[in-house]
N, C-alpha and C. Protein backbone atom coordinates (compact mmCIF):
# COMPACT_ATOMS: atom_id res chain seq x y z
N MET A 1 75.83 -25.93 60.83
CA MET A 1 75.27 -25.65 62.13
C MET A 1 74.01 -24.81 61.93
N THR A 2 73.01 -25.06 62.79
CA THR A 2 71.74 -24.35 62.73
C THR A 2 71.50 -23.63 64.05
N THR A 3 71.01 -22.41 63.98
CA THR A 3 70.66 -21.64 65.17
C THR A 3 69.16 -21.39 65.15
N LYS A 4 68.52 -21.59 66.32
CA LYS A 4 67.09 -21.34 66.43
C LYS A 4 66.79 -20.73 67.78
N THR A 5 65.83 -19.79 67.79
CA THR A 5 65.38 -19.19 69.03
C THR A 5 63.93 -19.58 69.27
N TYR A 6 63.69 -20.12 70.46
CA TYR A 6 62.35 -20.54 70.85
C TYR A 6 61.75 -19.54 71.83
N SER A 7 60.49 -19.27 71.70
CA SER A 7 59.75 -18.51 72.69
C SER A 7 59.29 -19.50 73.75
N VAL A 8 59.65 -19.24 75.01
CA VAL A 8 59.30 -20.14 76.11
C VAL A 8 58.65 -19.30 77.21
N PRO A 9 57.32 -19.15 77.15
CA PRO A 9 56.61 -18.29 78.09
C PRO A 9 56.76 -18.68 79.56
N GLY A 10 57.12 -19.93 79.83
CA GLY A 10 57.23 -20.40 81.21
C GLY A 10 58.47 -19.92 81.95
N ILE A 11 59.40 -19.26 81.27
CA ILE A 11 60.61 -18.76 81.93
C ILE A 11 60.24 -17.53 82.75
N SER A 12 60.49 -17.61 84.06
CA SER A 12 60.12 -16.48 84.91
C SER A 12 61.21 -16.05 85.89
N CYS A 13 62.30 -16.84 85.98
CA CYS A 13 63.32 -16.49 86.96
C CYS A 13 64.67 -17.10 86.58
N GLY A 14 65.67 -16.79 87.36
CA GLY A 14 67.00 -17.31 87.12
C GLY A 14 67.08 -18.82 87.28
N HIS A 15 66.26 -19.38 88.17
CA HIS A 15 66.25 -20.83 88.35
C HIS A 15 65.76 -21.51 87.07
N CYS A 16 64.75 -20.93 86.43
CA CYS A 16 64.25 -21.46 85.15
C CYS A 16 65.37 -21.49 84.12
N VAL A 17 66.10 -20.40 84.02
CA VAL A 17 67.21 -20.29 83.07
C VAL A 17 68.24 -21.37 83.35
N MET A 18 68.62 -21.51 84.61
CA MET A 18 69.63 -22.49 85.00
C MET A 18 69.16 -23.92 84.67
N THR A 19 67.91 -24.22 84.96
CA THR A 19 67.37 -25.55 84.69
C THR A 19 67.39 -25.86 83.20
N ILE A 20 66.92 -24.94 82.39
CA ILE A 20 66.87 -25.14 80.95
C ILE A 20 68.28 -25.34 80.39
N GLU A 21 69.20 -24.48 80.75
CA GLU A 21 70.56 -24.59 80.23
C GLU A 21 71.23 -25.88 80.67
N ARG A 22 71.00 -26.29 81.90
CA ARG A 22 71.61 -27.52 82.42
C ARG A 22 71.03 -28.75 81.72
N GLU A 23 69.72 -28.82 81.59
CA GLU A 23 69.09 -30.01 81.02
C GLU A 23 69.29 -30.14 79.51
N LEU A 24 69.28 -29.04 78.80
CA LEU A 24 69.45 -29.13 77.35
C LEU A 24 70.84 -29.60 76.95
N LYS A 25 71.81 -29.43 77.84
CA LYS A 25 73.17 -29.88 77.52
C LYS A 25 73.25 -31.39 77.33
N TYR A 26 72.21 -32.13 77.76
CA TYR A 26 72.18 -33.57 77.59
C TYR A 26 71.69 -34.00 76.20
N VAL A 27 71.24 -33.05 75.39
CA VAL A 27 70.76 -33.37 74.05
C VAL A 27 71.96 -33.56 73.13
N ASP A 28 72.05 -34.74 72.54
CA ASP A 28 73.14 -35.03 71.60
C ASP A 28 73.03 -34.11 70.39
N GLY A 29 74.14 -33.52 69.99
CA GLY A 29 74.17 -32.65 68.83
C GLY A 29 73.97 -31.18 69.15
N LEU A 30 73.73 -30.87 70.41
CA LEU A 30 73.57 -29.48 70.82
C LEU A 30 74.95 -28.85 70.97
N GLN A 31 75.17 -27.71 70.34
CA GLN A 31 76.46 -27.03 70.42
C GLN A 31 76.47 -25.98 71.53
N SER A 32 75.36 -25.22 71.64
CA SER A 32 75.27 -24.21 72.70
C SER A 32 73.81 -23.92 73.00
N VAL A 33 73.59 -23.41 74.22
CA VAL A 33 72.24 -23.03 74.64
C VAL A 33 72.35 -21.79 75.50
N LYS A 34 71.43 -20.86 75.30
CA LYS A 34 71.38 -19.64 76.10
C LYS A 34 69.91 -19.31 76.34
N ALA A 35 69.50 -19.36 77.59
CA ALA A 35 68.13 -18.99 77.96
C ALA A 35 68.16 -17.59 78.55
N ASP A 36 67.08 -16.83 78.32
CA ASP A 36 67.00 -15.46 78.81
C ASP A 36 65.63 -15.22 79.44
N LYS A 37 65.63 -14.84 80.73
CA LYS A 37 64.36 -14.66 81.43
C LYS A 37 63.64 -13.38 81.01
N ASP A 38 64.36 -12.35 80.61
CA ASP A 38 63.73 -11.09 80.23
C ASP A 38 62.93 -11.21 78.93
N SER A 39 63.51 -11.91 77.96
CA SER A 39 62.82 -12.09 76.67
C SER A 39 62.02 -13.39 76.64
N ARG A 40 62.19 -14.22 77.67
CA ARG A 40 61.53 -15.53 77.74
C ARG A 40 61.79 -16.32 76.47
N ALA A 41 63.08 -16.42 76.16
CA ALA A 41 63.50 -17.10 74.94
C ALA A 41 64.67 -18.02 75.23
N VAL A 42 64.80 -19.05 74.40
CA VAL A 42 65.92 -19.98 74.47
C VAL A 42 66.54 -20.05 73.08
N ARG A 43 67.83 -19.74 73.00
CA ARG A 43 68.56 -19.77 71.72
C ARG A 43 69.48 -20.97 71.74
N VAL A 44 69.38 -21.80 70.71
CA VAL A 44 70.23 -22.98 70.63
C VAL A 44 70.98 -23.00 69.31
N GLU A 45 72.16 -23.59 69.35
CA GLU A 45 72.92 -23.90 68.14
C GLU A 45 73.08 -25.40 68.13
N VAL A 46 72.69 -26.02 67.02
CA VAL A 46 72.74 -27.48 66.91
C VAL A 46 73.51 -27.88 65.66
N GLU A 47 73.97 -29.13 65.66
CA GLU A 47 74.76 -29.64 64.53
C GLU A 47 73.92 -29.72 63.26
N SER A 48 72.64 -30.11 63.42
CA SER A 48 71.77 -30.25 62.25
C SER A 48 70.32 -30.02 62.67
N ASP A 49 69.47 -29.81 61.67
CA ASP A 49 68.05 -29.57 61.94
C ASP A 49 67.40 -30.76 62.65
N ASP A 50 67.95 -31.95 62.48
CA ASP A 50 67.39 -33.15 63.12
C ASP A 50 67.41 -33.04 64.64
N VAL A 51 68.33 -32.29 65.19
CA VAL A 51 68.49 -32.16 66.64
C VAL A 51 67.38 -31.27 67.22
N LEU A 52 66.79 -30.41 66.42
CA LEU A 52 65.77 -29.49 66.93
C LEU A 52 64.58 -30.21 67.54
N ALA A 53 64.18 -31.33 66.98
CA ALA A 53 63.06 -32.11 67.55
C ALA A 53 63.41 -32.59 68.95
N ALA A 54 64.65 -33.00 69.15
CA ALA A 54 65.08 -33.46 70.47
C ALA A 54 65.12 -32.30 71.47
N VAL A 55 65.52 -31.11 71.01
CA VAL A 55 65.52 -29.92 71.87
C VAL A 55 64.09 -29.60 72.29
N GLU A 56 63.16 -29.60 71.34
CA GLU A 56 61.77 -29.29 71.64
C GLU A 56 61.17 -30.32 72.61
N ALA A 57 61.51 -31.60 72.40
CA ALA A 57 61.02 -32.65 73.29
C ALA A 57 61.56 -32.48 74.71
N MET A 58 62.83 -32.12 74.83
CA MET A 58 63.43 -31.94 76.14
C MET A 58 62.82 -30.74 76.85
N LEU A 59 62.59 -29.65 76.13
CA LEU A 59 61.94 -28.49 76.73
C LEU A 59 60.58 -28.87 77.31
N ALA A 60 59.80 -29.63 76.56
CA ALA A 60 58.49 -30.06 77.04
C ALA A 60 58.63 -31.00 78.23
N GLU A 61 59.59 -31.91 78.17
CA GLU A 61 59.79 -32.88 79.24
C GLU A 61 60.14 -32.22 80.58
N ILE A 62 60.92 -31.14 80.53
CA ILE A 62 61.33 -30.48 81.78
C ILE A 62 60.36 -29.39 82.22
N GLY A 63 59.24 -29.26 81.50
CA GLY A 63 58.20 -28.32 81.92
C GLY A 63 58.28 -26.93 81.34
N TYR A 64 59.06 -26.74 80.29
CA TYR A 64 59.20 -25.45 79.64
C TYR A 64 58.94 -25.57 78.14
N PRO A 65 57.72 -25.96 77.75
CA PRO A 65 57.45 -26.16 76.33
C PRO A 65 57.56 -24.86 75.53
N ALA A 66 58.07 -24.98 74.31
CA ALA A 66 58.18 -23.83 73.42
C ALA A 66 56.79 -23.47 72.92
N ALA A 67 56.55 -22.18 72.76
CA ALA A 67 55.25 -21.72 72.26
C ALA A 67 55.16 -21.87 70.78
């Protein structure tokens, strides 16, 4: 399992957090996701490094690209 934390400057409120956590759950191979509005970060645990590209693509697709 791999853990990665992304800086996501677009997170500004609880709705952003809820959207990110809800949408990332659709990424195959994602084990857990935790978004935080105070640090503007998203922490994910994935089955393998291959899943990270899909996480990054989904973040961009939903309007919260990683910095």
